[in-house]
N, C-alpha and C. Protein backbone atom coordinates (compact mmCIF):
# COMPACT_ATOMS: atom_id res chain seq x y z
N MET A 1 -4.13 112.56 188.22
CA MET A 1 -3.11 113.04 189.75
C MET A 1 -1.91 113.96 189.05
N ASN A 2 -1.65 115.14 189.52
CA ASN A 2 -0.29 115.29 189.21
C ASN A 2 0.80 115.24 190.01
N ASN A 3 1.79 114.21 190.13
CA ASN A 3 3.13 114.16 190.93
C ASN A 3 3.65 115.63 191.25
N LYS A 4 4.01 116.30 192.29
CA LYS A 4 4.46 117.62 192.49
C LYS A 4 5.87 117.88 192.06
N ASN A 5 6.89 116.37 191.76
CA ASN A 5 7.93 116.44 190.86
C ASN A 5 7.99 116.13 189.23
N GLU A 6 6.36 115.85 189.02
CA GLU A 6 6.42 115.46 187.49
C GLU A 6 6.33 116.91 186.54
N ILE A 7 7.48 116.74 185.59
CA ILE A 7 7.15 117.94 184.59
C ILE A 7 6.31 117.15 183.28
N ILE A 8 5.60 118.52 183.09
CA ILE A 8 4.49 118.37 181.88
C ILE A 8 5.20 118.73 180.50
N ILE A 9 5.51 117.87 179.42
CA ILE A 9 6.65 118.44 178.44
C ILE A 9 5.08 119.29 177.36
N ASP A 10 5.68 120.32 177.49
CA ASP A 10 4.95 121.17 176.52
C ASP A 10 5.91 120.90 174.45
N SER A 11 6.91 120.43 174.93
CA SER A 11 7.86 120.48 173.51
C SER A 11 9.10 119.59 173.97
N ALA A 12 9.23 118.84 173.01
CA ALA A 12 10.24 117.79 172.88
C ALA A 12 11.19 117.42 171.80
N MET A 13 11.03 118.59 171.01
CA MET A 13 11.61 118.49 169.49
C MET A 13 12.75 118.40 169.24
N THR A 14 13.15 117.65 168.05
CA THR A 14 14.91 117.91 168.19
C THR A 14 15.21 119.20 167.08
N PHE A 15 16.00 119.60 167.22
CA PHE A 15 16.54 120.44 166.64
C PHE A 15 16.11 121.10 165.24
N ALA A 16 16.29 119.32 164.36
CA ALA A 16 15.54 119.45 162.71
C ALA A 16 13.88 119.52 162.93
N GLU A 17 13.79 119.40 163.83
CA GLU A 17 12.62 118.95 164.23
C GLU A 17 11.80 120.53 164.01
N ALA A 18 12.64 121.40 165.23
CA ALA A 18 12.23 122.87 165.03
C ALA A 18 12.44 123.64 164.37
N VAL A 19 13.81 123.34 163.19
CA VAL A 19 13.57 124.17 162.20
C VAL A 19 13.12 123.82 160.61
N GLU A 20 12.50 122.68 161.34
CA GLU A 20 11.66 122.13 159.82
C GLU A 20 11.14 123.04 158.79
N GLY A 21 10.95 123.40 157.70
CA GLY A 21 10.50 124.27 157.06
C GLY A 21 10.31 125.60 157.06
N SER A 22 11.45 126.50 157.66
CA SER A 22 11.92 127.66 158.01
C SER A 22 12.56 128.04 156.55
N LEU A 23 12.20 129.51 156.14
CA LEU A 23 13.20 129.72 154.74
C LEU A 23 14.12 130.57 155.39
N ALA A 24 14.92 130.53 156.43
CA ALA A 24 16.02 131.11 156.80
C ALA A 24 17.23 130.44 155.88
N PRO A 25 17.88 131.19 155.45
CA PRO A 25 19.44 130.76 155.19
C PRO A 25 20.26 129.97 155.81
N ILE A 26 21.17 129.07 155.62
CA ILE A 26 21.51 127.97 156.21
C ILE A 26 22.67 128.60 157.37
N GLU A 27 22.99 129.71 156.59
CA GLU A 27 24.29 130.42 157.97
C GLU A 27 23.32 130.86 158.66
N ILE A 28 22.10 130.91 159.18
CA ILE A 28 21.31 131.87 159.75
C ILE A 28 20.62 130.41 160.92
N VAL A 29 20.36 129.28 160.49
CA VAL A 29 19.90 128.02 161.09
C VAL A 29 21.21 127.49 161.67
N ASP A 30 22.54 127.90 160.84
CA ASP A 30 23.92 126.93 161.55
C ASP A 30 23.72 127.82 162.69
N SER A 31 23.69 129.12 163.11
CA SER A 31 23.33 129.96 164.14
C SER A 31 22.98 129.56 165.49
N LEU A 32 21.81 128.85 165.09
CA LEU A 32 21.06 129.31 166.09
C LEU A 32 21.47 127.49 167.21
N ALA A 33 20.57 127.44 168.18
CA ALA A 33 20.72 126.76 169.47
C ALA A 33 19.01 126.29 169.53
N LEU A 34 18.89 124.89 170.10
CA LEU A 34 17.22 124.72 171.08
C LEU A 34 17.68 124.60 172.30
N ILE A 35 16.83 125.69 173.43
CA ILE A 35 17.17 125.31 174.64
C ILE A 35 15.94 124.72 175.33
N ASP A 36 16.56 123.89 175.79
CA ASP A 36 14.92 123.52 176.84
C ASP A 36 15.50 124.31 178.34
N VAL A 37 13.63 124.43 178.56
CA VAL A 37 13.62 125.73 179.43
C VAL A 37 12.28 124.82 180.35
N THR A 38 12.35 124.72 181.34
CA THR A 38 11.26 124.58 182.39
C THR A 38 10.61 125.86 183.17
N TYR A 39 9.51 125.76 183.32
CA TYR A 39 9.18 127.35 184.01
C TYR A 39 7.10 126.62 184.17
N THR A 40 6.95 127.20 185.66
CA THR A 40 5.24 127.09 185.77
C THR A 40 4.55 127.93 185.17
N SER A 41 3.49 126.74 184.83
CA SER A 41 2.94 127.58 183.73
C SER A 41 1.16 128.11 184.75
N PHE A 42 0.56 128.47 184.11
CA PHE A 42 -0.77 128.70 184.42
C PHE A 42 -1.83 127.93 185.59
N ASP A 43 -1.15 126.79 185.27
CA ASP A 43 -2.18 126.05 185.72
C ASP A 43 -1.29 125.61 187.17
N GLY A 44 -0.26 126.60 187.12
CA GLY A 44 0.41 126.21 188.76
C GLY A 44 1.62 124.64 188.49
N LEU A 45 1.26 124.24 187.52
CA LEU A 45 2.17 122.75 187.37
C LEU A 45 4.01 123.39 186.64
N ARG A 46 4.59 122.37 186.89
CA ARG A 46 5.93 122.43 186.16
C ARG A 46 5.62 122.05 184.75
N HIS A 47 6.42 122.83 183.70
CA HIS A 47 5.99 122.52 182.28
C HIS A 47 7.83 122.53 181.74
N GLN A 48 7.73 121.77 181.04
CA GLN A 48 9.22 122.14 179.84
C GLN A 48 8.76 122.69 178.61
N GLY A 49 9.46 123.14 178.09
CA GLY A 49 9.46 123.50 176.51
C GLY A 49 10.44 124.04 176.26
N GLN A 50 10.40 124.44 175.06
CA GLN A 50 11.81 125.08 174.37
C GLN A 50 11.85 126.04 172.90
N ILE A 51 12.75 126.82 173.48
CA ILE A 51 12.99 128.04 172.54
C ILE A 51 13.97 127.67 171.69
N VAL A 52 13.76 128.12 170.38
CA VAL A 52 14.91 127.85 169.36
C VAL A 52 15.73 130.20 169.22
N ALA A 53 16.63 129.99 169.86
CA ALA A 53 17.51 131.01 169.32
C ALA A 53 19.07 131.23 168.90
N GLU A 54 19.40 132.06 168.76
CA GLU A 54 21.10 132.35 168.90
C GLU A 54 21.83 131.59 169.61
N ALA A 55 22.77 131.00 169.69
CA ALA A 55 23.38 130.16 170.38
C ALA A 55 24.64 130.93 170.94
N ARG A 56 24.87 131.86 170.88
CA ARG A 56 25.58 133.07 171.78
C ARG A 56 24.79 133.40 173.07
N LEU A 57 23.18 133.55 173.34
CA LEU A 57 22.24 133.68 173.63
C LEU A 57 21.69 132.47 174.47
N GLU A 58 22.29 131.33 174.40
CA GLU A 58 21.66 130.66 175.06
C GLU A 58 21.98 130.95 176.69
N ASP A 59 22.74 130.97 176.88
CA ASP A 59 23.11 131.19 178.38
C ASP A 59 22.21 132.74 179.04
N ASP A 60 21.77 133.68 178.52
CA ASP A 60 20.66 134.58 179.10
C ASP A 60 19.96 133.61 178.94
N ILE A 61 19.24 133.27 178.11
CA ILE A 61 17.88 132.85 178.18
C ILE A 61 17.56 131.35 179.39
N TYR A 62 18.89 130.29 179.21
CA TYR A 62 18.78 129.62 180.30
C TYR A 62 18.04 130.28 181.79
N ASP A 63 19.15 130.96 181.64
CA ASP A 63 19.19 132.10 183.15
C ASP A 63 18.24 132.74 183.79
N ILE A 64 17.61 133.66 182.47
CA ILE A 64 16.38 134.32 182.97
C ILE A 64 15.14 133.14 182.90
N PHE A 65 15.20 131.92 182.31
CA PHE A 65 14.05 131.35 182.70
C PHE A 65 14.11 130.52 184.30
N GLU A 66 15.51 130.24 184.45
CA GLU A 66 15.86 129.82 185.75
C GLU A 66 15.21 131.30 186.83
N LEU A 67 15.36 131.94 186.41
CA LEU A 67 14.79 133.25 187.11
C LEU A 67 13.46 133.55 187.04
N ILE A 68 12.77 132.76 186.16
CA ILE A 68 11.21 132.84 186.40
C ILE A 68 10.78 131.46 186.77
N GLU A 69 11.27 130.74 186.90
CA GLU A 69 10.79 129.87 187.53
C GLU A 69 11.34 129.68 189.26
N GLN A 70 12.31 130.64 189.70
CA GLN A 70 12.42 130.77 190.96
C GLN A 70 11.04 131.88 191.28
N LEU A 71 10.54 132.88 190.52
CA LEU A 71 9.72 133.81 191.09
C LEU A 71 7.92 133.06 190.45
N LYS A 72 8.49 131.84 190.09
CA LYS A 72 7.15 131.44 190.17
C LYS A 72 6.17 132.24 189.40
N PHE A 73 7.28 132.63 188.04
CA PHE A 73 6.17 133.47 187.17
C PHE A 73 5.75 132.78 186.15
N PRO A 74 4.26 133.17 185.73
CA PRO A 74 3.43 131.70 184.99
C PRO A 74 3.75 132.38 183.74
N VAL A 75 4.24 131.38 182.78
CA VAL A 75 4.65 131.14 181.23
C VAL A 75 3.52 130.43 180.21
N GLY A 76 2.73 130.51 179.54
CA GLY A 76 1.76 130.01 179.17
C GLY A 76 2.59 128.68 178.81
N LYS A 77 3.62 128.76 177.86
CA LYS A 77 3.85 127.67 176.97
C LYS A 77 5.28 128.48 176.01
N ALA A 78 6.08 127.08 176.00
CA ALA A 78 7.28 127.68 175.17
C ALA A 78 7.47 126.44 173.93
N ILE A 79 6.96 127.08 172.92
CA ILE A 79 7.03 125.65 171.65
C ILE A 79 7.72 126.40 170.60
N PRO A 80 8.27 125.84 169.96
CA PRO A 80 9.28 126.14 168.79
C PRO A 80 7.84 126.44 167.75
N ILE A 81 8.14 127.97 167.00
CA ILE A 81 6.88 128.49 166.29
C ILE A 81 6.76 127.50 165.01
N VAL A 82 7.49 126.70 164.38
CA VAL A 82 7.26 125.99 164.05
C VAL A 82 5.90 124.82 163.94
N ALA A 83 5.51 124.78 165.19
CA ALA A 83 4.22 123.85 165.41
C ALA A 83 3.00 124.90 164.96
N TYR A 84 3.16 125.78 164.93
CA TYR A 84 2.08 127.01 164.33
C TYR A 84 2.48 127.45 162.45
N GLN A 85 3.20 126.66 161.92
CA GLN A 85 3.15 126.45 160.66
C GLN A 85 4.08 128.03 160.58
N TRP A 86 4.74 128.48 160.94
CA TRP A 86 5.77 129.72 161.32
C TRP A 86 4.91 131.03 161.09
N GLU A 87 3.27 130.76 161.82
CA GLU A 87 2.85 131.67 161.74
C GLU A 87 2.48 132.81 163.32
N ASP A 88 3.05 133.54 163.18
CA ASP A 88 3.53 134.61 164.40
C ASP A 88 2.03 134.68 165.44
N GLY A 89 1.20 135.33 164.30
CA GLY A 89 -0.40 135.29 164.89
C GLY A 89 -0.73 134.41 165.50
N ASP A 90 -0.38 133.04 165.20
CA ASP A 90 -1.05 131.72 165.29
C ASP A 90 -0.17 131.71 166.96
N SER A 91 0.85 131.71 166.75
CA SER A 91 1.81 131.54 168.70
C SER A 91 1.32 132.18 169.44
N MET A 92 1.56 134.20 168.72
CA MET A 92 0.87 134.68 170.18
C MET A 92 -0.59 134.55 170.22
N ALA A 93 -1.59 134.15 169.43
CA ALA A 93 -2.98 133.68 170.27
C ALA A 93 -2.72 132.84 170.95
N ASP A 94 -2.42 131.98 171.29
CA ASP A 94 -2.06 130.35 171.76
C ASP A 94 -1.43 130.65 173.16
N ASN A 95 -0.69 132.24 173.22
CA ASN A 95 0.26 132.54 174.25
C ASN A 95 1.70 131.14 174.22
N ASN A 96 2.05 131.95 173.54
CA ASN A 96 3.44 130.82 173.58
C ASN A 96 4.10 132.01 173.44
N SER A 97 5.26 131.12 173.83
CA SER A 97 6.45 132.09 174.39
C SER A 97 7.43 131.46 173.54
N SER A 98 8.15 132.44 171.99
CA SER A 98 8.87 132.15 171.20
C SER A 98 10.32 132.85 170.73
N ALA A 99 11.10 132.45 170.34
CA ALA A 99 12.43 133.47 169.68
C ALA A 99 12.20 133.76 167.96
N PHE A 100 13.22 132.08 167.72
CA PHE A 100 13.11 131.54 166.41
C PHE A 100 12.23 132.12 165.87
N ASN A 101 11.91 132.84 164.71
CA ASN A 101 11.12 133.12 163.38
C ASN A 101 11.72 133.83 162.38
N PHE A 102 11.83 133.17 161.34
CA PHE A 102 12.40 133.95 159.72
C PHE A 102 11.10 134.62 159.38
N ARG A 103 10.76 136.21 159.33
CA ARG A 103 9.58 136.98 159.10
C ARG A 103 10.34 138.19 159.36
N VAL A 104 9.73 139.01 158.68
CA VAL A 104 9.57 140.53 158.69
C VAL A 104 8.90 140.97 159.55
N ILE A 105 9.04 142.25 160.40
CA ILE A 105 8.35 143.51 161.44
C ILE A 105 7.29 143.57 160.13
N ALA A 106 6.29 142.95 161.53
CA ALA A 106 4.78 143.39 160.82
C ALA A 106 4.90 144.82 160.47
N GLY A 107 4.08 144.96 158.93
CA GLY A 107 4.05 146.19 157.90
C GLY A 107 4.88 146.73 157.65
N THR A 108 5.98 145.91 157.60
CA THR A 108 7.33 146.24 157.06
C THR A 108 8.27 145.28 155.87
N ASN A 109 9.13 145.40 155.13
CA ASN A 109 9.62 144.62 154.74
C ASN A 109 11.12 144.30 155.34
N LYS A 110 11.12 144.94 156.40
CA LYS A 110 12.48 144.38 157.03
C LYS A 110 12.21 143.58 158.24
N LEU A 111 13.76 142.25 158.13
CA LEU A 111 13.92 141.32 158.78
C LEU A 111 13.35 141.49 160.40
N SER A 112 12.54 140.86 160.89
CA SER A 112 12.57 141.21 162.87
C SER A 112 14.02 140.85 163.23
N LEU A 113 14.47 141.18 164.22
CA LEU A 113 15.20 140.37 164.92
C LEU A 113 14.82 138.52 165.40
N HIS A 114 13.77 138.43 165.39
CA HIS A 114 13.25 137.13 165.50
C HIS A 114 13.65 136.49 164.25
N SER A 115 13.96 136.87 162.93
CA SER A 115 14.35 135.89 161.72
C SER A 115 16.08 135.35 162.03
N PHE A 116 16.71 136.12 163.45
CA PHE A 116 18.43 136.08 163.68
C PHE A 116 18.33 135.11 165.33
N GLY A 117 17.36 134.73 165.48
CA GLY A 117 16.76 134.04 166.74
C GLY A 117 17.19 134.83 168.30
N ARG A 118 17.26 136.86 167.47
CA ARG A 118 17.70 137.57 168.28
C ARG A 118 16.94 138.02 169.25
N ALA A 119 15.39 137.41 169.07
CA ALA A 119 14.35 138.42 169.97
C ALA A 119 13.40 137.21 170.71
N LEU A 120 13.06 137.54 171.89
CA LEU A 120 12.04 136.62 172.36
C LEU A 120 10.61 137.23 172.48
N ASP A 121 10.00 136.25 172.81
CA ASP A 121 8.55 136.96 172.69
C ASP A 121 7.70 135.95 174.48
N ILE A 122 7.65 136.90 175.22
CA ILE A 122 6.49 135.75 176.29
C ILE A 122 5.34 136.20 176.92
N ASN A 123 4.83 135.19 177.05
CA ASN A 123 3.42 135.46 177.15
C ASN A 123 3.24 136.81 176.57
N PRO A 124 2.12 136.51 175.12
CA PRO A 124 2.12 137.57 174.21
C PRO A 124 0.26 137.86 174.73
N VAL A 125 -0.32 136.70 175.35
CA VAL A 125 -1.60 137.26 175.73
C VAL A 125 -1.81 137.94 177.13
N GLN A 126 -0.45 138.13 177.64
CA GLN A 126 -0.80 138.89 179.14
C GLN A 126 0.37 140.58 179.08
N ASN A 127 0.79 140.32 177.68
CA ASN A 127 0.93 141.03 177.40
C ASN A 127 1.44 141.81 176.01
N PRO A 128 0.54 141.71 175.45
CA PRO A 128 0.34 142.08 173.63
C PRO A 128 1.35 143.27 173.60
N VAL A 129 1.08 143.45 172.42
CA VAL A 129 1.63 144.48 171.39
C VAL A 129 0.48 145.23 171.22
N ILE A 130 0.79 146.96 171.31
CA ILE A 130 -0.24 147.85 171.55
C ILE A 130 -0.05 148.58 169.96
N TYR A 131 -0.34 149.13 168.91
CA TYR A 131 -0.41 149.91 168.09
C TYR A 131 -0.41 151.15 167.96
N PRO A 132 -0.10 152.28 167.42
CA PRO A 132 -0.59 153.83 167.67
C PRO A 132 -2.31 153.78 167.81
N ALA A 133 -2.53 153.22 166.56
CA ALA A 133 -3.99 153.64 166.03
C ALA A 133 -4.30 152.52 167.56
N GLY A 134 -4.20 151.82 168.20
CA GLY A 134 -5.07 151.19 169.39
C GLY A 134 -5.85 149.67 169.31
N ILE A 135 -4.89 149.45 167.94
CA ILE A 135 -4.72 148.03 167.50
C ILE A 135 -4.18 147.19 168.69
N VAL A 136 -4.66 145.81 169.09
CA VAL A 136 -3.74 144.87 169.98
C VAL A 136 -3.53 143.88 169.32
N ALA A 137 -2.62 143.24 169.51
CA ALA A 137 -2.12 142.03 168.99
C ALA A 137 -1.96 141.43 170.54
N PRO A 138 -2.40 140.15 170.42
CA PRO A 138 -3.06 138.93 169.66
C PRO A 138 -4.19 139.68 170.00
N ALA A 139 -5.31 139.28 169.13
CA ALA A 139 -6.97 140.10 169.30
C ALA A 139 -7.33 139.81 170.73
N GLY A 140 -8.15 140.65 171.41
CA GLY A 140 -8.97 140.06 172.54
C GLY A 140 -7.61 140.10 173.57
N ALA A 141 -6.54 140.54 173.30
CA ALA A 141 -5.89 140.54 174.43
C ALA A 141 -5.41 141.91 175.00
N THR A 142 -5.29 141.75 176.69
CA THR A 142 -5.70 143.44 177.60
C THR A 142 -4.09 142.89 178.06
N TYR A 143 -3.50 144.62 178.46
CA TYR A 143 -2.44 144.67 179.15
C TYR A 143 -3.17 145.31 180.47
N ARG A 144 -2.78 144.26 181.60
CA ARG A 144 -3.00 144.62 182.77
C ARG A 144 -2.11 144.55 183.76
N THR A 145 -1.38 145.71 184.49
CA THR A 145 0.07 145.09 184.88
C THR A 145 -0.44 144.43 185.97
N HIS A 146 -1.26 144.15 186.89
CA HIS A 146 -1.23 143.35 187.98
C HIS A 146 -1.76 142.08 187.99
N ASN A 147 -2.12 141.49 186.26
CA ASN A 147 -2.83 139.94 186.13
C ASN A 147 -1.06 139.54 186.09
N LYS A 148 -1.51 138.13 186.85
CA LYS A 148 -0.18 136.85 186.66
C LYS A 148 0.27 136.97 185.70
N GLY A 149 1.42 136.44 185.26
CA GLY A 149 2.07 136.67 183.77
C GLY A 149 2.51 138.16 183.05
N THR A 150 2.36 139.11 183.71
CA THR A 150 2.55 140.23 182.96
C THR A 150 3.97 141.36 183.54
N PHE A 151 4.20 141.73 182.42
CA PHE A 151 5.92 142.76 182.66
C PHE A 151 5.51 143.71 183.25
N THR A 152 6.28 144.84 184.10
CA THR A 152 6.08 145.94 183.86
C THR A 152 7.81 146.71 183.89
N ALA A 153 7.81 147.79 183.70
CA ALA A 153 9.13 148.52 183.55
C ALA A 153 9.88 147.87 185.08
N ARG A 154 9.42 147.70 186.02
CA ARG A 154 10.23 147.62 187.45
C ARG A 154 9.94 145.77 187.90
N HIS A 155 9.39 145.00 186.75
CA HIS A 155 9.85 143.74 186.98
C HIS A 155 10.74 143.22 187.18
N PRO A 156 11.61 141.88 188.44
CA PRO A 156 12.38 141.32 187.78
C PRO A 156 13.00 140.90 186.79
N ILE A 157 12.28 140.42 185.98
CA ILE A 157 12.66 139.63 184.66
C ILE A 157 12.90 140.67 183.93
N VAL A 158 12.43 141.90 183.73
CA VAL A 158 12.55 142.91 182.68
C VAL A 158 13.99 143.20 183.23
N GLU A 159 13.91 143.54 184.42
CA GLU A 159 15.60 144.41 184.74
C GLU A 159 16.58 143.32 184.52
N GLU A 160 16.48 141.73 185.09
CA GLU A 160 17.33 141.02 184.35
C GLU A 160 17.85 141.08 182.65
N PHE A 161 16.84 141.61 182.25
CA PHE A 161 17.07 141.06 180.74
C PHE A 161 17.60 142.57 180.33
N ILE A 162 17.20 143.70 180.99
CA ILE A 162 18.04 144.79 180.42
C ILE A 162 19.58 144.89 181.17
N LYS A 163 19.52 144.03 182.70
CA LYS A 163 20.81 144.27 183.04
C LYS A 163 21.80 142.98 182.10
N ARG A 164 21.40 142.11 181.27
CA ARG A 164 22.27 141.70 180.49
C ARG A 164 22.53 141.97 179.14
N GLY A 165 21.86 143.53 178.57
CA GLY A 165 21.77 143.90 177.71
C GLY A 165 20.72 144.07 176.72
N TRP A 166 20.04 143.60 177.10
CA TRP A 166 19.02 143.13 176.21
C TRP A 166 17.64 144.38 176.24
N HIS A 167 16.53 144.26 174.87
CA HIS A 167 15.85 145.64 174.36
C HIS A 167 14.51 145.00 175.46
N TRP A 168 13.49 146.01 176.37
CA TRP A 168 12.20 145.20 176.21
C TRP A 168 11.38 146.23 175.52
N GLY A 169 10.68 145.95 174.96
CA GLY A 169 9.24 146.49 174.01
C GLY A 169 8.68 146.87 174.70
N GLY A 170 8.23 146.86 175.82
CA GLY A 170 7.48 147.72 176.57
C GLY A 170 7.82 149.36 176.56
N ASN A 171 9.51 149.28 176.30
CA ASN A 171 10.09 150.80 176.33
C ASN A 171 10.51 151.22 175.01
N PHE A 172 9.00 150.73 174.24
CA PHE A 172 9.59 151.31 172.87
C PHE A 172 8.54 152.51 172.78
N GLU A 173 9.00 153.34 171.59
CA GLU A 173 7.98 154.60 171.65
C GLU A 173 6.86 154.00 171.22
N GLN A 174 6.82 153.47 169.73
CA GLN A 174 5.84 152.42 168.93
C GLN A 174 6.29 151.54 168.56
N PRO A 175 5.61 150.84 168.22
CA PRO A 175 4.34 150.52 169.26
C PRO A 175 5.09 149.49 170.52
N LYS A 176 3.94 149.58 171.54
CA LYS A 176 4.42 149.17 173.28
C LYS A 176 4.82 147.80 172.43
N ASP A 177 5.50 147.04 172.79
CA ASP A 177 5.61 145.35 172.76
C ASP A 177 5.89 144.38 173.96
N TYR A 178 5.09 144.57 174.59
CA TYR A 178 5.15 144.09 175.97
C TYR A 178 5.94 142.97 176.30
N HIS A 179 5.68 141.86 175.46
CA HIS A 179 6.21 140.90 175.32
C HIS A 179 7.51 140.32 174.71
N HIS A 180 7.67 141.56 174.11
CA HIS A 180 8.65 141.69 173.27
C HIS A 180 10.68 141.77 173.84
N PHE A 181 11.39 140.99 173.68
CA PHE A 181 12.62 141.14 174.68
C PHE A 181 13.47 140.99 173.28
N GLU A 182 14.82 142.45 173.24
CA GLU A 182 15.53 141.60 171.83
C GLU A 182 16.64 141.64 172.61
N LYS A 183 17.91 141.74 171.72
CA LYS A 183 19.68 141.46 171.37
C LYS A 183 20.24 141.98 170.57
N THR A 184 20.45 143.12 170.11
CA THR A 184 20.92 143.67 169.04
C THR A 184 23.06 143.17 168.79
């Protein structure tokens, strides 16, 4: 039986554990922070997770997760991607929300803003990336705007990100990256 005030811990890593094995240069690692966030998950219970992001974005992320919690917007989980051996596809398939991951943009040799902790993905299963050819990632995900945990252009969380100078992947020309937020 879960006490109403009890928080389920999804992630309680140290900073060293959260960046272990990353191929990022030390100057990038030194610019990052480990942010504890709380949220209501799809089970209706409060959870605590962690986001690794650029330290200068810590207030934005903390404030946005406060809004997420106020709205009871369900978040699958928030676990540093090291738990998935730095495999973005595995993290997405597990509906994990994350930020820092030193990697290139899929299908390119250009570093992603995730490499610098300047991009945050939330609920990839409800908010997949849809490529021009119709390929959807993660596989099997569907974008249905009426489903819980899904973003739309008029969603208060999307509007809060934009108000703070972030860009939403749902506004990208191609691909439509509905789970992705970035601040350049």
